[in-house]
Amino acid sequence: MSLAGARSEAVLNRALLLLAPAITIVVATEFIVVGLLPLISQDMQVPLAKAGQLTGWWAFSAAVAGPFVTLATSRLTLKPLLIGTLLLFAVGNALMVFVSDFTILLVTRIVQGALLPAFIGVGAAIVTRLAKPNEQGKGLARANIGFVLGVLLALPAGVVLAQGGDWRLPFLVLVILSLLTAALIGLFFPLLPHGETPDIVGQLNLLRCLPFLANLALSVLLFAAMFSAYTYLGAWVQEGLGLSVWFVALILLLLGAAGLVGNSIAGRIADDAPMRATVISILILIGSVNLAALAHQSILMAIVPLALWGMSHTASVTLSQVRVTLAGRTAPAFAMTMNISAANLGIATGAFGGGWVIDNQGVNAIGIAPIGFAILALLLAPLVVPRRACQRSIG
């Protein structure tokens, strides 16, 4: 390896080491609410469905406003962007701790949702700028560790921290972590030179690329399949397996550990065969969800399917991020942002579809909705053109 190449690798390693916990914090801020909704509903004296708007409007804001925020901040230096966003998240989470007006909390969540995609897109920009061309998928998987941890650890962490009945305590912890991470980034994050970021029109040209749009459509269907089951995992563990809330937290933590393994595996194969790996991952996911649903209150029978569920769920998230970012590598931060928008649309669709099935068939039918979404995804997968076609069409 040349001296310049070694220097780029060292800078990438240091940047990703600091970026991973930062992404974990902002993603956990989105998902930690899911496990706290009953407490929020009771404390603020609002219906559970209204409390759920704290999650729904975040996802909607990330999906709709996120791309515009990313375009507006695409020319900013990365280090101040990271610090500024973390400070805004600290302020927002402080409002969740000290404010009792539900409307203010809802607006806070909407603003945080709009900032999330731009923040995560920074990782894609760093990787595509510093990683070797044949190792960008591996680098993106490393950047995605923070996203994985945020998604998979937020629920159990929130449940454990709120065991005393205080749903605000998890947000206080997030305030402290945001401030500490912002300070660490201020001290140690490398000063990266401006890359060749396309202008706004150049970035928007990605939306004229049919292969890129096909990749986004596939992400919507994949996340719908994943979250039509994962959204109701906690309820299924309690009702379907008959376990206490502490066991719910423990099982979610175990899924998080299995998810890290899935992320590592996805990173090793993402550069060579992202589409083939995506198909295999979603097939394993559907099989494991339905095998777990057949456990019938036997945790011993469910443990292996649950581990496979965690691995394939996270691998699917990682492969989706890698696949879409590589397809739009001419504007990687915007491509990552669009995939996050697609993911949030899929999450909302999956949560609605999975909830409808469970309302009609019971919580043990948790594996039915993912099958329907997965069939649509598998039908679309052969039509997704390899990433090279998108590069040519963008020029």
Protein backbone atom coordinates (compact mmCIF):
# COMPACT_ATOMS: atom_id res chain seq x y z
CA MET A 1 0.00 0.00 0.00
CA SER A 2 1.31 3.47 -0.92
CA LEU A 3 1.89 6.16 1.71
CA ALA A 4 -1.11 8.13 0.40
CA GLY A 5 -3.28 5.01 0.47
CA ALA A 6 -2.22 4.20 4.02
CA ARG A 7 -2.97 7.76 5.08
CA SER A 8 -6.45 7.60 3.51
CA GLU A 9 -7.10 4.28 5.27
CA ALA A 10 -6.03 5.73 8.62
CA VAL A 11 -8.23 8.80 8.15
CA LEU A 12 -11.18 6.59 7.16
CA ASN A 13 -10.70 4.37 10.23
CA ARG A 14 -10.59 7.35 12.59
CA ALA A 15 -13.62 8.98 10.97
CA LEU A 16 -15.72 5.81 11.10
CA LEU A 17 -14.69 5.10 14.70
CA LEU A 18 -16.18 8.44 15.75
CA LEU A 19 -19.07 8.34 13.30
CA ALA A 20 -20.46 4.97 14.48
CA PRO A 21 -21.46 6.08 18.02
CA ALA A 22 -22.79 9.37 16.66
CA ILE A 23 -25.08 7.56 14.21
CA THR A 24 -26.12 5.17 16.97
CA ILE A 25 -27.31 8.13 19.06
CA VAL A 26 -29.36 9.81 16.34
CA VAL A 27 -30.92 6.54 15.13
CA ALA A 28 -31.66 5.43 18.71
CA THR A 29 -33.47 8.74 19.20
CA GLU A 30 -35.91 7.65 16.49
CA PHE A 31 -36.56 4.10 17.62
CA ILE A 32 -36.35 4.42 21.41
CA VAL A 33 -39.87 5.90 21.46
CA VAL A 34 -41.38 2.60 20.25
CA GLY A 35 -40.81 0.86 23.57
CA LEU A 36 -41.93 3.90 25.57
CA LEU A 37 -45.30 4.61 23.93
CA PRO A 38 -47.51 3.10 26.69
CA LEU A 39 -45.71 5.16 29.36
CA ILE A 40 -45.84 8.34 27.26
CA SER A 41 -49.55 7.81 26.60
CA GLN A 42 -50.30 7.34 30.28
CA ASP A 43 -48.11 10.20 31.53
CA MET A 44 -49.27 12.78 28.99
CA GLN A 45 -52.89 11.55 29.07
CA VAL A 46 -53.16 11.07 25.32
CA PRO A 47 -54.46 8.01 23.43
CA LEU A 48 -51.84 5.43 22.49
CA ALA A 49 -52.46 6.11 18.80
CA LYS A 50 -51.72 9.81 19.34
CA ALA A 51 -48.56 9.01 21.26
CA GLY A 52 -47.58 6.86 18.28
CA GLN A 53 -47.47 10.03 16.18
CA LEU A 54 -44.10 10.74 17.81
CA THR A 55 -42.81 7.83 15.73
CA GLY A 56 -44.99 8.23 12.64
CA TRP A 57 -44.31 11.93 12.06
CA TRP A 58 -40.57 11.39 12.56
CA ALA A 59 -40.58 8.75 9.80
CA PHE A 60 -42.69 10.95 7.54
CA SER A 61 -40.36 13.92 8.09
CA ALA A 62 -37.28 11.80 7.37
CA ALA A 63 -38.88 10.46 4.19
CA VAL A 64 -40.15 13.80 2.83
CA ALA A 65 -37.94 16.55 4.28
CA GLY A 66 -34.74 14.55 4.69
CA PRO A 67 -33.63 14.71 1.02
CA PHE A 68 -34.12 18.50 0.92
CA VAL A 69 -32.06 18.96 4.10
CA THR A 70 -29.33 16.79 2.60
CA LEU A 71 -29.25 18.87 -0.58
CA ALA A 72 -29.14 22.10 1.44
CA THR A 73 -26.21 20.89 3.56
CA SER A 74 -24.30 18.98 0.87
CA ARG A 75 -21.64 21.68 0.49
CA LEU A 76 -21.01 22.13 4.22
CA THR A 77 -17.79 20.91 5.84
CA LEU A 78 -18.45 17.53 7.44
CA LYS A 79 -17.07 18.17 10.92
CA PRO A 80 -19.20 21.25 11.75
CA LEU A 81 -22.22 19.49 10.22
CA LEU A 82 -21.78 16.52 12.56
CA ILE A 83 -21.24 18.68 15.64
CA GLY A 84 -24.13 21.01 14.84
CA THR A 85 -26.55 18.12 14.27
CA LEU A 86 -25.55 16.40 17.51
CA LEU A 87 -26.07 19.65 19.43
CA LEU A 88 -29.52 20.06 17.86
CA PHE A 89 -30.35 16.48 18.84
CA ALA A 90 -29.18 17.22 22.39
CA VAL A 91 -31.52 20.24 22.53
CA GLY A 92 -34.40 18.20 21.08
CA ASN A 93 -33.91 15.37 23.56
CA ALA A 94 -33.68 17.90 26.39
CA LEU A 95 -37.12 19.18 25.33
CA MET A 96 -38.40 15.59 25.54
CA VAL A 97 -37.12 15.52 29.14
CA PHE A 98 -38.43 18.86 30.41
CA VAL A 99 -41.43 19.86 28.25
CA SER A 100 -44.95 18.57 28.90
CA ASP A 101 -46.73 20.07 25.88
CA PHE A 102 -47.36 17.26 23.38
CA THR A 103 -47.45 19.58 20.36
CA ILE A 104 -43.97 20.92 21.15
CA LEU A 105 -42.66 17.38 21.50
CA LEU A 106 -44.23 16.44 18.16
CA VAL A 107 -42.60 19.41 16.40
CA THR A 108 -39.28 18.47 18.02
CA ARG A 109 -39.52 14.96 16.61
CA ILE A 110 -40.39 16.30 13.15
CA VAL A 111 -37.27 18.51 13.13
CA GLN A 112 -35.07 15.66 14.33
CA GLY A 113 -36.49 13.36 11.65
CA ALA A 114 -35.63 15.86 8.93
CA LEU A 115 -32.01 16.04 10.14
CA LEU A 116 -31.45 12.28 10.39
CA PRO A 117 -30.91 11.41 6.69
CA ALA A 118 -28.36 14.20 6.14
CA PHE A 119 -26.42 13.05 9.19
CA ILE A 120 -26.27 9.42 8.11
CA GLY A 121 -25.42 10.46 4.55
CA VAL A 122 -22.13 11.85 5.88
CA GLY A 123 -20.91 8.29 6.36
CA ALA A 124 -21.56 7.46 2.72
CA ALA A 125 -19.74 10.60 1.59
CA ILE A 126 -16.68 9.75 3.70
CA VAL A 127 -16.50 6.13 2.55
CA THR A 128 -16.86 6.85 -1.16
CA ARG A 129 -14.22 9.57 -0.86
CA LEU A 130 -11.58 7.59 1.06
CA ALA A 131 -12.17 3.87 0.48
CA LYS A 132 -10.72 1.90 -2.42
CA PRO A 133 -13.22 1.43 -5.28
CA ASN A 134 -13.38 -2.33 -4.71
CA GLU A 135 -13.86 -1.94 -0.93
CA GLN A 136 -16.56 0.69 -0.79
CA GLY A 137 -19.23 -1.85 0.11
CA LYS A 138 -17.11 -3.05 3.03
CA GLY A 139 -16.57 0.54 4.14
CA LEU A 140 -20.28 1.33 3.92
CA ALA A 141 -21.02 -1.72 6.06
CA ARG A 142 -18.61 -0.38 8.69
CA ALA A 143 -20.31 3.01 8.57
CA ASN A 144 -23.64 1.20 8.92
CA ILE A 145 -22.68 -0.33 12.29
CA GLY A 146 -23.96 2.79 14.03
CA PHE A 147 -27.29 2.54 12.18
CA VAL A 148 -27.55 -1.14 13.12
CA LEU A 149 -26.82 -0.49 16.78
CA GLY A 150 -29.27 2.39 16.88
CA VAL A 151 -32.10 0.29 15.42
CA LEU A 152 -31.48 -2.90 17.36
CA LEU A 153 -30.44 -1.55 20.76
CA ALA A 154 -32.84 1.39 21.13
CA LEU A 155 -35.85 -0.72 22.10
CA PRO A 156 -34.22 -2.83 24.85
CA ALA A 157 -32.27 0.17 26.19
CA GLY A 158 -35.45 2.25 26.42
CA VAL A 159 -37.35 -0.58 28.10
CA VAL A 160 -34.63 -1.11 30.71
CA LEU A 161 -34.07 2.58 31.47
CA ALA A 162 -37.81 3.22 31.86
CA GLN A 163 -38.48 0.31 34.24
CA GLY A 164 -39.09 2.75 37.08
CA GLY A 165 -41.95 4.25 35.06
CA ASP A 166 -40.03 7.36 33.98
CA TRP A 167 -40.08 7.46 30.16
CA ARG A 168 -38.03 10.69 30.13
CA LEU A 169 -34.88 9.10 31.60
CA PRO A 170 -33.80 7.48 28.28
CA PHE A 171 -33.92 10.91 26.62
CA LEU A 172 -31.79 12.41 29.39
CA VAL A 173 -29.20 9.70 28.71
CA LEU A 174 -29.33 10.59 25.00
CA VAL A 175 -28.73 14.28 25.85
CA ILE A 176 -25.57 13.39 27.76
CA LEU A 177 -24.33 11.01 25.07
CA SER A 178 -25.00 13.58 22.32
CA LEU A 179 -22.95 16.24 24.11
CA LEU A 180 -20.08 13.86 24.86
CA THR A 181 -19.96 12.59 21.28
CA ALA A 182 -20.08 16.13 19.88
CA ALA A 183 -17.09 17.01 22.07
CA LEU A 184 -15.14 13.94 20.91
CA ILE A 185 -15.84 14.75 17.27
CA GLY A 186 -14.75 18.33 17.86
CA LEU A 187 -11.46 17.12 19.32
CA PHE A 188 -10.58 14.13 17.17
CA PHE A 189 -12.59 14.00 13.93
CA PRO A 190 -10.28 14.53 10.92
CA LEU A 191 -10.62 17.69 8.87
CA LEU A 192 -11.61 16.26 5.50
CA PRO A 193 -11.18 18.31 2.35
CA HIS A 194 -14.20 19.07 0.20
CA GLY A 195 -14.85 16.30 -2.27
CA GLU A 196 -16.25 16.71 -5.76
CA THR A 197 -19.87 17.01 -4.63
CA PRO A 198 -22.24 17.58 -7.57
CA ASP A 199 -24.43 20.67 -7.50
CA ILE A 200 -28.08 20.30 -6.54
CA VAL A 201 -29.18 19.67 -10.13
CA GLY A 202 -26.47 17.03 -10.52
CA GLN A 203 -27.63 15.25 -7.38
CA LEU A 204 -31.27 15.41 -8.41
CA ASN A 205 -30.30 13.77 -11.71
CA LEU A 206 -30.15 10.52 -9.75
CA LEU A 207 -33.94 10.61 -9.65
CA ARG A 208 -33.97 10.38 -13.45
CA CYS A 209 -31.98 7.15 -13.34
CA LEU A 210 -34.32 4.16 -13.66
CA PRO A 211 -31.88 1.63 -12.14
CA PHE A 212 -31.48 3.88 -9.10
CA LEU A 213 -35.26 4.24 -8.75
CA ALA A 214 -35.64 0.46 -9.03
CA ASN A 215 -33.15 0.06 -6.18
CA LEU A 216 -35.19 2.48 -4.08
CA ALA A 217 -38.43 0.61 -4.84
CA LEU A 218 -36.74 -2.62 -3.77
CA SER A 219 -35.70 -0.96 -0.50
CA VAL A 220 -39.29 0.07 0.21
CA LEU A 221 -40.50 -3.51 -0.21
CA LEU A 222 -37.59 -5.00 1.78
CA PHE A 223 -38.09 -2.66 4.74
CA ALA A 224 -41.84 -3.28 4.61
CA ALA A 225 -41.16 -7.02 4.84
CA MET A 226 -38.67 -6.57 7.67
CA PHE A 227 -40.66 -4.15 9.83
CA SER A 228 -44.06 -5.76 9.30
CA ALA A 229 -42.67 -8.31 11.77
CA TYR A 230 -39.97 -6.44 13.71
CA THR A 231 -42.37 -3.66 14.79
CA TYR A 232 -44.40 -6.23 16.73
CA LEU A 233 -41.49 -8.34 17.99
CA GLY A 234 -41.79 -7.06 21.57
CA ALA A 235 -45.53 -7.80 21.70
CA TRP A 236 -44.96 -11.26 20.22
CA VAL A 237 -42.25 -12.13 22.74
CA GLN A 238 -44.57 -11.11 25.60
CA GLU A 239 -47.78 -12.66 24.28
CA GLY A 240 -46.61 -15.41 21.93
CA LEU A 241 -43.82 -16.69 24.17
CA GLY A 242 -45.41 -15.56 27.43
CA LEU A 243 -42.25 -13.82 28.71
CA SER A 244 -41.83 -10.81 30.99
CA VAL A 245 -40.71 -7.36 29.89
CA TRP A 246 -37.18 -8.09 31.14
CA PHE A 247 -36.99 -11.11 28.85
CA VAL A 248 -38.20 -8.89 26.03
CA ALA A 249 -35.24 -6.59 26.63
CA LEU A 250 -32.84 -9.55 26.84
CA ILE A 251 -34.07 -11.12 23.61
CA LEU A 252 -33.88 -7.78 21.80
CA LEU A 253 -30.29 -7.44 23.01
CA LEU A 254 -29.50 -10.93 21.72
CA LEU A 255 -31.01 -9.98 18.36
CA GLY A 256 -28.74 -6.95 18.37
CA ALA A 257 -25.69 -9.16 18.93
CA ALA A 258 -26.80 -11.48 16.12
CA GLY A 259 -27.37 -8.38 14.00
CA LEU A 260 -23.73 -7.36 14.34
CA VAL A 261 -22.75 -10.76 12.96
CA GLY A 262 -25.16 -10.23 10.07
CA ASN A 263 -23.67 -6.81 9.40
CA SER A 264 -20.16 -8.29 9.30
CA ILE A 265 -21.20 -11.01 6.86
CA ALA A 266 -23.00 -8.50 4.64
CA GLY A 267 -19.91 -6.29 4.57
CA ARG A 268 -17.77 -9.16 3.31
CA ILE A 269 -20.01 -9.94 0.33
CA ALA A 270 -21.57 -6.58 -0.47
CA ASP A 271 -18.95 -5.52 -3.02
CA ASP A 272 -19.14 -8.75 -5.04
CA ALA A 273 -22.81 -9.70 -5.17
CA PRO A 274 -25.15 -7.24 -3.40
CA MET A 275 -28.28 -8.35 -5.28
CA ARG A 276 -27.73 -12.07 -4.79
CA ALA A 277 -26.93 -11.49 -1.13
CA THR A 278 -30.10 -9.39 -0.76
CA VAL A 279 -32.28 -12.19 -2.14
CA ILE A 280 -30.66 -14.80 0.12
CA SER A 281 -30.97 -12.54 3.15
CA ILE A 282 -34.67 -11.85 2.66
CA LEU A 283 -35.40 -15.58 2.16
CA ILE A 284 -33.62 -16.39 5.43
CA LEU A 285 -35.52 -13.58 7.15
CA ILE A 286 -38.93 -14.87 6.04
CA GLY A 287 -38.06 -18.44 6.98
CA SER A 288 -36.71 -17.50 10.41
CA VAL A 289 -39.67 -15.25 11.31
CA ASN A 290 -42.14 -17.99 10.50
CA LEU A 291 -40.13 -20.70 12.26
CA ALA A 292 -40.00 -18.50 15.36
CA ALA A 293 -43.77 -17.98 15.14
CA LEU A 294 -44.24 -21.76 15.22
CA ALA A 295 -42.36 -22.07 18.53
CA HIS A 296 -45.64 -21.88 20.52
CA GLN A 297 -44.29 -20.49 23.81
CA SER A 298 -41.08 -22.52 23.69
CA ILE A 299 -38.11 -20.18 23.96
CA LEU A 300 -35.74 -23.10 23.34
CA MET A 301 -37.37 -23.78 19.98
CA ALA A 302 -37.41 -20.09 19.13
CA ILE A 303 -33.82 -19.19 20.00
CA VAL A 304 -32.15 -20.35 16.75
CA PRO A 305 -34.81 -18.80 14.46
CA LEU A 306 -34.55 -15.58 16.49
CA ALA A 307 -30.78 -15.49 16.02
CA LEU A 308 -31.20 -16.02 12.26
CA TRP A 309 -33.90 -13.36 12.27
CA GLY A 310 -31.52 -10.85 13.87
CA MET A 311 -28.69 -11.70 11.47
CA SER A 312 -30.80 -11.54 8.31
CA HIS A 313 -32.68 -8.41 9.42
CA THR A 314 -29.47 -6.47 9.92
CA ALA A 315 -27.82 -7.92 6.83
CA SER A 316 -30.82 -6.76 4.81
CA VAL A 317 -30.50 -3.23 6.23
CA THR A 318 -26.78 -3.13 5.44
CA LEU A 319 -27.15 -4.57 1.95
CA SER A 320 -29.88 -2.07 1.19
CA GLN A 321 -27.67 0.85 2.23
CA VAL A 322 -24.71 -0.50 0.25
CA ARG A 323 -26.73 -1.40 -2.84
CA VAL A 324 -28.44 1.99 -3.18
CA THR A 325 -25.35 4.03 -2.32
CA LEU A 326 -23.24 2.18 -4.89
CA ALA A 327 -25.99 2.63 -7.46
CA GLY A 328 -25.89 6.38 -6.82
CA ARG A 329 -22.19 6.76 -6.16
CA THR A 330 -22.04 9.99 -8.18
CA ALA A 331 -23.86 11.64 -5.23
CA PRO A 332 -23.43 9.15 -2.35
CA ALA A 333 -24.79 11.28 0.49
CA PHE A 334 -27.96 12.07 -1.48
CA ALA A 335 -28.26 8.40 -2.52
CA MET A 336 -27.99 7.29 1.12
CA THR A 337 -30.57 9.90 2.09
CA MET A 338 -33.02 8.69 -0.56
CA ASN A 339 -32.56 5.15 0.69
CA ILE A 340 -33.34 6.28 4.24
CA SER A 341 -36.48 7.95 2.88
CA ALA A 342 -37.38 4.72 1.09
CA ALA A 343 -36.65 2.77 4.27
CA ASN A 344 -38.93 4.99 6.37
CA LEU A 345 -41.69 4.63 3.79
CA GLY A 346 -41.21 0.86 3.95
CA ILE A 347 -41.20 0.92 7.76
CA ALA A 348 -44.50 2.80 7.84
CA THR A 349 -46.03 0.50 5.20
CA GLY A 350 -44.79 -2.61 6.96
CA ALA A 351 -46.00 -1.47 10.38
CA PHE A 352 -49.48 -0.80 8.94
CA GLY A 353 -49.63 -4.09 7.01
CA GLY A 354 -48.27 -6.18 9.86
CA GLY A 355 -50.61 -4.48 12.33
CA TRP A 356 -53.63 -5.19 10.10
CA VAL A 357 -52.75 -8.90 9.91
CA ILE A 358 -52.13 -9.16 13.66
CA ASP A 359 -55.37 -7.32 14.47
CA ASN A 360 -57.27 -9.87 12.41
CA GLN A 361 -55.27 -13.06 13.01
CA GLY A 362 -53.53 -12.54 16.36
CA VAL A 363 -49.90 -11.91 17.31
CA ASN A 364 -48.82 -15.44 16.35
CA ALA A 365 -49.54 -14.49 12.72
CA ILE A 366 -46.49 -12.23 12.84
CA GLY A 367 -44.88 -14.04 9.90
CA ILE A 368 -47.73 -13.66 7.38
CA ALA A 369 -47.34 -10.02 6.32
CA PRO A 370 -43.58 -10.36 5.66
CA ILE A 371 -44.32 -13.15 3.18
CA GLY A 372 -46.53 -10.89 1.06
CA PHE A 373 -44.01 -8.04 0.96
CA ALA A 374 -41.14 -10.44 0.31
CA ILE A 375 -42.91 -11.97 -2.70
CA LEU A 376 -43.23 -8.50 -4.24
CA ALA A 377 -39.56 -7.79 -3.49
CA LEU A 378 -38.43 -11.07 -5.05
CA LEU A 379 -40.48 -10.34 -8.18
CA LEU A 380 -38.80 -6.93 -8.49
CA ALA A 381 -35.25 -8.11 -7.71
CA PRO A 382 -34.47 -9.57 -11.20
CA LEU A 383 -35.43 -6.22 -12.77
CA VAL A 384 -32.95 -4.18 -10.71
CA VAL A 385 -30.12 -3.28 -13.09
CA PRO A 386 -26.53 -3.58 -11.80
CA ARG A 387 -25.04 -0.39 -10.35
CA ARG A 388 -22.79 0.25 -13.39
CA ALA A 389 -25.83 1.10 -15.53
CA CYS A 390 -26.75 3.93 -13.19
CA GLN A 391 -23.26 5.38 -13.37
CA ARG A 392 -23.46 5.49 -17.15
CA SER A 393 -26.90 7.07 -17.18
CA ILE A 394 -25.82 9.79 -14.76
CA GLY A 395 -22.65 10.37 -16.73
